[in-house]
């Protein structure tokens, strides 16, 4: 200690280095703090000695120092205000407040690969998807069940004019896949892109949040109408006439910022957004909801049949709308429940209809083989 006192510069350095943790805690009282869904989890403290122990201790400290969040904010400000970049990681800066998430991860967002029509599945991958879905369709048909895949389009597939200087819709990976599948397999896909593209100018408001990666209430309703239409053709849904905006009013309210602005860029105040709210219209049945982490069960005593949904973050919007028609709707959310048909879950929930809801950018997930198809019709 006496030796240290002879070198006050060392003491000053240590005090400054530890000050953020002492004053602000290891995570800091910062809005939006924590790892967030788009950041890796904080590095764990090493539990054994290795050649990289001190590097791992440094990573542990850096992930937990109180200044972590404001440093990320400063980094975003620097990139946006000084460098004026159109891309940052998985984010594409569009016109005005419009922000877009990468359409082909893990490739860099700057490539705009799917928007430019550069993504394709191989012949082997298309054949694999066809073979697996044909097996699902055949197995479900033996006991009168139905299986569908609903696509949640990339936002840039609906609003290309807010990313580049044209509204031309290039032929995408989804277009290519659907064209190469035989009619029976293609009929399992529910693709609401045409309806969403028409709806973005029909109702006087956007169908996606400008600063979020998801559709809003209006966009979800349009996608829901497309799903109801597909279900009605197969005669597996009750009261399809409920899927109408007749009599509803569409109002636009200010909204702080969506997930791209807050969870990736950490700049919610730089990107004002707007929320589209649907009011009035057809009276919906009374629903009861029971949620347990990555699954939720919605019950409607006026509905018929049971629907099981394997969904990503777009799914909650359509699940509550589809519950107007079914006696029970159970939604299982990723990442716990992958984008594949699980025959055992279908049997356990006594589902009449199984639906995979998947974002357009996640199409390769459909290459995962279905599980326990032979169990789908078990009592």
Protein backbone atom coordinates (compact mmCIF):
# COMPACT_ATOMS: atom_id res chain seq x y z
CA UNK A 1 0.00 0.00 0.00
CA UNK A 2 2.84 2.36 0.83
CA UNK A 3 4.30 1.74 -2.62
CA UNK A 4 0.98 2.63 -4.23
CA UNK A 5 0.75 5.88 -2.28
CA UNK A 6 4.02 6.93 -3.87
CA UNK A 7 2.31 6.71 -7.27
CA UNK A 8 -0.94 8.72 -7.03
CA UNK A 9 -1.48 8.42 -10.79
CA UNK A 10 -2.14 4.70 -10.32
CA UNK A 11 -4.69 5.37 -7.59
CA UNK A 12 -6.41 7.99 -9.75
CA UNK A 13 -6.56 5.54 -12.67
CA UNK A 14 -8.07 2.78 -10.50
CA UNK A 15 -10.62 5.20 -9.01
CA UNK A 16 -11.73 6.38 -12.45
CA UNK A 17 -11.90 2.83 -13.76
CA UNK A 18 -14.11 1.66 -10.87
CA UNK A 19 -16.23 4.80 -10.56
CA UNK A 20 -18.99 3.72 -13.01
CA UNK A 21 -19.55 0.44 -11.14
CA UNK A 22 -19.42 2.11 -7.72
CA UNK A 23 -21.72 5.01 -8.60
CA UNK A 24 -24.10 3.41 -11.07
CA UNK A 25 -24.00 -0.33 -10.36
CA UNK A 26 -22.76 -3.00 -12.70
CA UNK A 27 -25.65 -2.54 -15.14
CA UNK A 28 -26.56 1.08 -14.52
CA UNK A 29 -29.98 2.70 -14.12
CA UNK A 30 -30.31 3.22 -17.86
CA UNK A 31 -33.51 3.10 -19.87
CA UNK A 32 -33.38 0.07 -22.15
CA UNK A 33 -30.49 -1.50 -20.25
CA UNK A 34 -29.77 -5.20 -20.27
CA UNK A 35 -28.87 -7.49 -23.08
CA UNK A 36 -32.08 -7.17 -25.15
CA UNK A 37 -33.24 -9.69 -27.76
CA UNK A 38 -30.80 -8.55 -30.45
CA UNK A 39 -27.66 -8.47 -28.27
CA UNK A 40 -25.73 -11.44 -27.05
CA UNK A 41 -26.07 -12.36 -23.37
CA UNK A 42 -23.49 -10.76 -21.03
CA UNK A 43 -20.25 -12.72 -20.83
CA UNK A 44 -20.05 -15.03 -17.78
CA UNK A 45 -17.27 -14.70 -15.20
CA UNK A 46 -14.58 -17.35 -15.89
CA UNK A 47 -14.72 -20.31 -13.53
CA UNK A 48 -11.32 -21.73 -14.40
CA UNK A 49 -7.88 -20.48 -15.36
CA UNK A 50 -6.96 -20.56 -19.04
CA UNK A 51 -4.74 -18.61 -21.46
CA UNK A 52 -7.68 -16.25 -22.09
CA UNK A 53 -8.78 -15.77 -18.48
CA UNK A 54 -7.88 -12.08 -18.28
CA UNK A 55 -9.56 -11.39 -21.62
CA UNK A 56 -12.71 -13.13 -20.34
CA UNK A 57 -12.60 -11.09 -17.12
CA UNK A 58 -12.35 -7.95 -19.25
CA UNK A 59 -15.39 -9.04 -21.30
CA UNK A 60 -17.34 -9.74 -18.09
CA UNK A 61 -16.53 -6.27 -16.74
CA UNK A 62 -17.26 -4.50 -20.04
CA UNK A 63 -20.69 -6.14 -20.30
CA UNK A 64 -21.63 -5.06 -16.79
CA UNK A 65 -20.15 -1.60 -16.36
CA UNK A 66 -22.68 1.13 -15.70
CA UNK A 67 -21.80 3.13 -18.82
CA UNK A 68 -22.62 0.34 -21.28
CA UNK A 69 -25.96 1.70 -22.48
CA UNK A 70 -24.95 5.37 -22.89
CA UNK A 71 -21.87 4.28 -24.82
CA UNK A 72 -24.09 2.34 -27.21
CA UNK A 73 -26.31 5.40 -27.61
CA UNK A 74 -23.28 7.61 -28.34
CA UNK A 75 -22.07 5.08 -30.91
CA UNK A 76 -25.44 5.17 -32.71
CA UNK A 77 -25.49 8.98 -32.65
CA UNK A 78 -21.97 9.10 -34.08
CA UNK A 79 -22.78 6.71 -36.92
CA UNK A 80 -26.04 8.45 -37.77
CA UNK A 81 -25.19 12.13 -37.32
CA UNK A 82 -21.50 12.22 -38.30
CA UNK A 83 -21.03 9.41 -40.80
CA UNK A 84 -24.64 9.50 -42.06
CA UNK A 85 -24.54 5.81 -42.84
CA UNK A 86 -27.55 4.17 -44.50
CA UNK A 87 -26.75 0.87 -42.79
CA UNK A 88 -25.83 -0.15 -39.29
CA UNK A 89 -25.47 -3.84 -38.56
CA UNK A 90 -28.85 -5.42 -39.36
CA UNK A 91 -30.61 -2.06 -39.78
CA UNK A 92 -31.31 -0.24 -43.04
CA UNK A 93 -32.11 3.51 -42.78
CA UNK A 94 -34.97 4.33 -45.13
CA UNK A 95 -36.75 7.58 -45.96
CA UNK A 96 -37.79 9.77 -43.05
CA UNK A 97 -38.41 7.68 -39.92
CA UNK A 98 -38.57 4.37 -41.82
CA UNK A 99 -36.21 1.70 -40.48
CA UNK A 100 -35.90 -1.79 -41.92
CA UNK A 101 -34.50 -5.00 -40.45
CA UNK A 102 -32.18 -7.22 -42.48
CA UNK A 103 -34.04 -9.37 -45.05
CA UNK A 104 -31.35 -12.08 -45.27
CA UNK A 105 -29.50 -12.61 -41.99
CA UNK A 106 -26.70 -13.43 -41.27
CA UNK A 107 -25.55 -11.70 -44.48
CA UNK A 108 -24.97 -7.93 -44.07
CA UNK A 109 -28.10 -5.82 -44.33
CA UNK A 110 -26.29 -3.52 -46.76
CA UNK A 111 -26.60 -6.16 -49.47
CA UNK A 112 -30.44 -5.88 -49.54
CA UNK A 113 -30.22 -9.39 -50.96
CA UNK A 114 -33.89 -10.37 -51.05
CA UNK A 115 -35.13 -6.89 -51.94
CA UNK A 116 -32.82 -6.95 -54.96
CA UNK A 117 -34.04 -10.41 -55.96
CA UNK A 118 -30.69 -12.09 -55.30
CA UNK A 119 -31.83 -14.85 -52.92
CA UNK A 120 -32.85 -18.30 -54.13
CA UNK A 121 -33.27 -21.76 -52.63
CA UNK A 122 -31.43 -24.61 -54.30
CA UNK A 123 -33.24 -27.36 -56.19
CA UNK A 124 -32.42 -29.75 -53.33
CA UNK A 125 -33.91 -27.37 -50.74
CA UNK A 126 -37.11 -26.83 -52.75
CA UNK A 127 -37.47 -30.60 -53.20
CA UNK A 128 -36.95 -31.13 -49.46
CA UNK A 129 -39.63 -28.60 -48.51
CA UNK A 130 -42.03 -30.15 -51.02
CA UNK A 131 -41.36 -33.68 -49.77
CA UNK A 132 -41.80 -32.75 -46.10
CA UNK A 133 -44.95 -30.69 -46.60
CA UNK A 134 -46.48 -33.37 -48.84
CA UNK A 135 -45.92 -35.87 -46.01
CA UNK A 136 -47.57 -33.48 -43.53
CA UNK A 137 -50.57 -32.92 -45.80
CA UNK A 138 -51.04 -36.64 -46.45
CA UNK A 139 -50.76 -37.65 -42.79
CA UNK A 140 -53.12 -34.93 -41.57
CA UNK A 141 -55.67 -35.78 -44.26
CA UNK A 142 -56.08 -39.32 -42.89
CA UNK A 143 -57.96 -37.89 -39.91
CA UNK A 144 -59.48 -34.77 -41.47
CA UNK A 145 -56.87 -32.29 -40.17
CA UNK A 146 -55.37 -29.42 -42.17
CA UNK A 147 -51.94 -27.75 -42.17
CA UNK A 148 -51.00 -24.28 -43.43
CA UNK A 149 -48.03 -21.90 -43.51
CA UNK A 150 -48.73 -18.16 -43.16
CA UNK A 151 -46.00 -15.77 -44.29
CA UNK A 152 -45.34 -12.50 -42.44
CA UNK A 153 -43.67 -10.46 -45.22
CA UNK A 154 -40.46 -8.48 -44.79
CA UNK A 155 -41.38 -4.81 -44.40
CA UNK A 156 -39.24 -3.93 -47.42
CA UNK A 157 -41.33 -6.38 -49.48
CA UNK A 158 -44.31 -4.08 -48.85
CA UNK A 159 -42.54 -0.70 -48.79
CA UNK A 160 -39.59 -0.92 -51.24
CA UNK A 161 -40.12 2.74 -52.17
CA UNK A 162 -39.00 3.74 -48.66
CA UNK A 163 -35.68 1.93 -49.11
CA UNK A 164 -34.77 2.81 -52.70
CA UNK A 165 -35.99 4.99 -55.57
CA UNK A 166 -38.60 2.65 -57.03
CA UNK A 167 -41.77 0.87 -55.97
CA UNK A 168 -40.93 -2.09 -58.21
CA UNK A 169 -41.36 -5.41 -56.43
CA UNK A 170 -38.43 -7.59 -57.48
CA UNK A 171 -38.94 -11.34 -57.75
CA UNK A 172 -37.94 -12.56 -54.30
CA UNK A 173 -36.93 -15.85 -52.77
CA UNK A 174 -40.53 -16.44 -51.67
CA UNK A 175 -41.84 -15.83 -55.21
CA UNK A 176 -39.28 -18.25 -56.58
CA UNK A 177 -40.10 -20.93 -53.98
CA UNK A 178 -43.86 -20.73 -54.57
CA UNK A 179 -43.42 -20.92 -58.35
CA UNK A 180 -41.25 -24.03 -58.09
CA UNK A 181 -43.53 -25.95 -55.72
CA UNK A 182 -46.29 -28.17 -57.14
CA UNK A 183 -49.88 -26.86 -56.75
CA UNK A 184 -50.85 -29.11 -53.82
CA UNK A 185 -47.88 -27.99 -51.72
CA UNK A 186 -48.20 -24.37 -52.82
CA UNK A 187 -51.81 -24.38 -51.63
CA UNK A 188 -50.57 -24.81 -48.04
CA UNK A 189 -48.93 -21.35 -48.15
CA UNK A 190 -50.87 -18.22 -47.22
CA UNK A 191 -49.11 -15.20 -48.71
CA UNK A 192 -50.70 -11.80 -47.85
CA UNK A 193 -48.20 -9.60 -49.74
CA UNK A 194 -50.63 -8.55 -52.49
CA UNK A 195 -53.30 -7.57 -49.96
CA UNK A 196 -50.82 -5.68 -47.76
CA UNK A 197 -49.42 -3.81 -50.77
CA UNK A 198 -52.93 -2.78 -51.78
CA UNK A 199 -53.88 -1.89 -48.21
CA UNK A 200 -50.97 0.49 -47.60
CA UNK A 201 -52.67 3.16 -49.73
CA UNK A 202 -56.31 2.16 -49.32
CA UNK A 203 -56.83 3.01 -45.65
CA UNK A 204 -54.87 6.25 -45.19
CA UNK A 205 -52.30 4.75 -42.83
CA UNK A 206 -49.33 2.36 -42.90
CA UNK A 207 -49.70 -1.40 -42.46
CA UNK A 208 -46.32 -1.72 -40.69
CA UNK A 209 -44.75 0.39 -37.94
CA UNK A 210 -42.16 2.68 -39.59
CA UNK A 211 -39.59 2.09 -36.82
CA UNK A 212 -40.46 -1.52 -35.99
CA UNK A 213 -39.88 -4.80 -37.81
CA UNK A 214 -43.54 -5.87 -37.41
CA UNK A 215 -46.89 -5.13 -38.96
CA UNK A 216 -49.32 -2.96 -36.98
CA UNK A 217 -52.96 -3.69 -36.12
CA UNK A 218 -54.12 -2.82 -39.63
CA UNK A 219 -51.47 -4.98 -41.31
CA UNK A 220 -52.24 -7.87 -38.96
CA UNK A 221 -55.95 -7.57 -39.75
CA UNK A 222 -55.29 -7.69 -43.50
CA UNK A 223 -53.11 -10.80 -43.02
CA UNK A 224 -55.82 -12.31 -40.81
CA UNK A 225 -58.39 -11.76 -43.58
CA UNK A 226 -56.14 -13.65 -46.00
CA UNK A 227 -55.80 -16.55 -43.53
CA UNK A 228 -59.56 -16.68 -42.97
CA UNK A 229 -60.11 -16.79 -46.73
CA UNK A 230 -57.73 -19.76 -47.07
CA UNK A 231 -59.35 -21.56 -44.13
CA UNK A 232 -62.82 -20.93 -45.53
CA UNK A 233 -61.89 -22.53 -48.85
CA UNK A 234 -60.96 -25.67 -46.91
CA UNK A 235 -64.13 -25.35 -44.78
CA UNK A 236 -62.21 -25.43 -41.50
CA UNK A 237 -63.34 -22.13 -39.98
CA UNK A 238 -66.61 -20.90 -38.49
CA UNK A 239 -68.19 -17.53 -39.25
CA UNK A 240 -65.66 -16.19 -41.80
CA UNK A 241 -67.90 -13.12 -42.20
CA UNK A 242 -66.45 -11.77 -38.93
CA UNK A 243 -63.20 -10.95 -40.77
CA UNK A 244 -64.33 -7.57 -42.07
CA UNK A 245 -63.41 -3.93 -41.46
CA UNK A 246 -66.94 -2.84 -42.33
CA UNK A 247 -68.08 -0.28 -39.78
CA UNK A 248 -64.64 0.05 -38.22
CA UNK A 249 -62.81 3.37 -37.94
CA UNK A 250 -59.07 3.59 -38.53
CA UNK A 251 -57.26 6.14 -36.36
CA UNK A 252 -53.59 7.09 -36.25
CA UNK A 253 -51.92 7.93 -32.94
CA UNK A 254 -48.34 9.04 -32.15
CA UNK A 255 -46.08 6.26 -30.95
CA UNK A 256 -42.67 6.57 -29.26
CA UNK A 257 -40.62 4.12 -31.34
CA UNK A 258 -40.53 0.48 -32.38
CA UNK A 259 -38.10 -2.36 -31.71
CA UNK A 260 -35.56 -1.42 -34.41
CA UNK A 261 -35.18 2.12 -33.00
CA UNK A 262 -35.11 1.09 -29.34
CA UNK A 263 -33.50 -2.36 -29.18
CA UNK A 264 -30.96 -2.14 -31.99
CA UNK A 265 -30.16 1.55 -32.49
CA UNK A 266 -30.94 2.74 -28.91
CA UNK A 267 -32.30 5.99 -30.38
CA UNK A 268 -36.08 5.97 -29.75
CA UNK A 269 -36.23 9.77 -29.58
CA UNK A 270 -34.69 10.13 -33.07
CA UNK A 271 -37.41 8.20 -34.86
CA UNK A 272 -41.01 9.23 -34.11
CA UNK A 273 -43.53 6.60 -35.10
CA UNK A 274 -47.28 6.21 -35.40
CA UNK A 275 -49.71 3.55 -34.29
CA UNK A 276 -52.77 2.58 -36.33
CA UNK A 277 -55.76 1.77 -34.12
CA UNK A 278 -58.89 -0.06 -35.28
CA UNK A 279 -62.06 0.90 -33.44
CA UNK A 280 -65.62 -0.32 -33.74
CA UNK A 281 -66.72 -2.70 -36.47
CA UNK A 282 -68.00 -6.21 -35.95
CA UNK A 283 -68.52 -7.14 -32.32
CA UNK A 284 -66.07 -9.87 -31.33
CA UNK A 285 -66.96 -12.79 -29.06
CA UNK A 286 -65.80 -12.68 -25.45
CA UNK A 287 -62.41 -14.40 -25.22
CA UNK A 288 -60.47 -15.74 -22.25
CA UNK A 289 -56.67 -15.88 -22.40
CA UNK A 290 -54.30 -18.00 -20.35
CA UNK A 291 -50.60 -17.35 -20.91
CA UNK A 292 -47.59 -19.28 -19.70
CA UNK A 293 -44.29 -17.97 -21.00
CA UNK A 294 -43.83 -19.15 -24.58
CA UNK A 295 -47.39 -20.44 -24.98
CA UNK A 296 -50.87 -18.98 -24.71
CA UNK A 297 -54.34 -20.51 -24.88
CA UNK A 298 -57.28 -18.40 -26.09
CA UNK A 299 -60.76 -19.79 -25.53
CA UNK A 300 -63.96 -18.73 -27.30
CA UNK A 301 -67.16 -20.50 -26.17
CA UNK A 302 -68.90 -19.43 -29.40
CA UNK A 303 -66.24 -20.87 -31.71
CA UNK A 304 -65.73 -24.26 -33.30
CA UNK A 305 -62.71 -26.53 -33.74
CA UNK A 306 -59.20 -26.13 -32.35
CA UNK A 307 -56.32 -24.26 -33.96
CA UNK A 308 -52.64 -24.77 -33.04
CA UNK A 309 -50.17 -22.06 -34.15
CA UNK A 310 -46.38 -22.36 -34.20
CA UNK A 311 -45.40 -18.68 -34.40
CA UNK A 312 -42.68 -16.07 -34.21
CA UNK A 313 -43.14 -12.50 -32.94
CA UNK A 314 -45.78 -11.68 -35.60
CA UNK A 315 -48.10 -14.41 -34.36
CA UNK A 316 -49.78 -12.83 -31.34
CA UNK A 317 -51.65 -10.30 -33.51
CA UNK A 318 -53.28 -12.91 -35.71
CA UNK A 319 -53.85 -15.47 -32.93
CA UNK A 320 -56.23 -13.14 -31.07
CA UNK A 321 -58.07 -12.33 -34.28
CA UNK A 322 -58.40 -15.97 -35.34
CA UNK A 323 -59.75 -16.78 -31.88
CA UNK A 324 -63.01 -15.14 -33.01
CA UNK A 325 -63.71 -18.27 -35.04
CA UNK A 326 -62.26 -21.21 -33.07
CA UNK A 327 -63.24 -22.75 -29.78
CA UNK A 328 -59.57 -22.85 -28.77
CA UNK A 329 -56.46 -21.27 -30.25
CA UNK A 330 -53.13 -22.27 -28.77
CA UNK A 331 -50.05 -20.35 -29.85
CA UNK A 332 -46.56 -21.73 -29.24
CA UNK A 333 -43.87 -19.11 -29.71
CA UNK A 334 -40.32 -19.42 -30.96
CA UNK A 335 -37.50 -19.95 -30.15
CA UNK A 336 -38.82 -22.71 -27.85
CA UNK A 337 -41.17 -24.01 -30.56
CA UNK A 338 -39.44 -24.14 -33.97
CA UNK A 339 -41.11 -23.56 -37.33
CA UNK A 340 -42.06 -27.16 -38.03
CA UNK A 341 -45.16 -29.34 -37.77
CA UNK A 342 -45.13 -31.41 -34.60
CA UNK A 343 -47.55 -34.35 -34.82
CA UNK A 344 -47.35 -35.12 -31.13
CA UNK A 345 -48.31 -31.55 -30.16
CA UNK A 346 -51.17 -31.63 -32.68
CA UNK A 347 -52.47 -34.82 -31.07
CA UNK A 348 -52.02 -33.57 -27.49
CA UNK A 349 -53.96 -30.38 -28.22
CA UNK A 350 -56.54 -32.26 -30.35
CA UNK A 351 -55.99 -29.59 -33.01
CA UNK A 352 -58.10 -29.68 -36.16
CA UNK A 353 -55.89 -27.11 -37.91
CA UNK A 354 -52.16 -26.50 -37.52
CA UNK A 355 -50.61 -23.25 -38.72
CA UNK A 356 -46.96 -22.24 -38.95
CA UNK A 357 -46.58 -18.45 -38.99
CA UNK A 358 -43.10 -17.47 -40.18
CA UNK A 359 -41.38 -14.24 -41.21
CA UNK A 360 -40.40 -14.09 -44.87
CA UNK A 361 -36.72 -13.64 -43.98
CA UNK A 362 -36.83 -16.94 -42.04
CA UNK A 363 -37.94 -19.16 -44.95
CA UNK A 364 -34.92 -21.52 -44.56
CA UNK A 365 -36.39 -22.63 -41.22
CA UNK A 366 -38.96 -24.59 -43.23
CA UNK A 367 -36.15 -27.05 -44.09
CA UNK A 368 -36.45 -28.46 -40.56
CA UNK A 369 -38.10 -31.89 -40.78
CA UNK A 370 -41.50 -32.35 -39.12
CA UNK A 371 -41.67 -34.26 -35.86
CA UNK A 372 -43.64 -37.38 -35.00
CA UNK A 373 -46.07 -37.10 -37.93
CA UNK A 374 -47.31 -40.61 -37.22
CA UNK A 375 -48.69 -39.30 -33.90
CA UNK A 376 -50.78 -36.48 -35.46
CA UNK A 377 -53.97 -38.56 -35.62
CA UNK A 378 -53.56 -40.34 -32.28
CA UNK A 379 -56.54 -40.14 -29.93
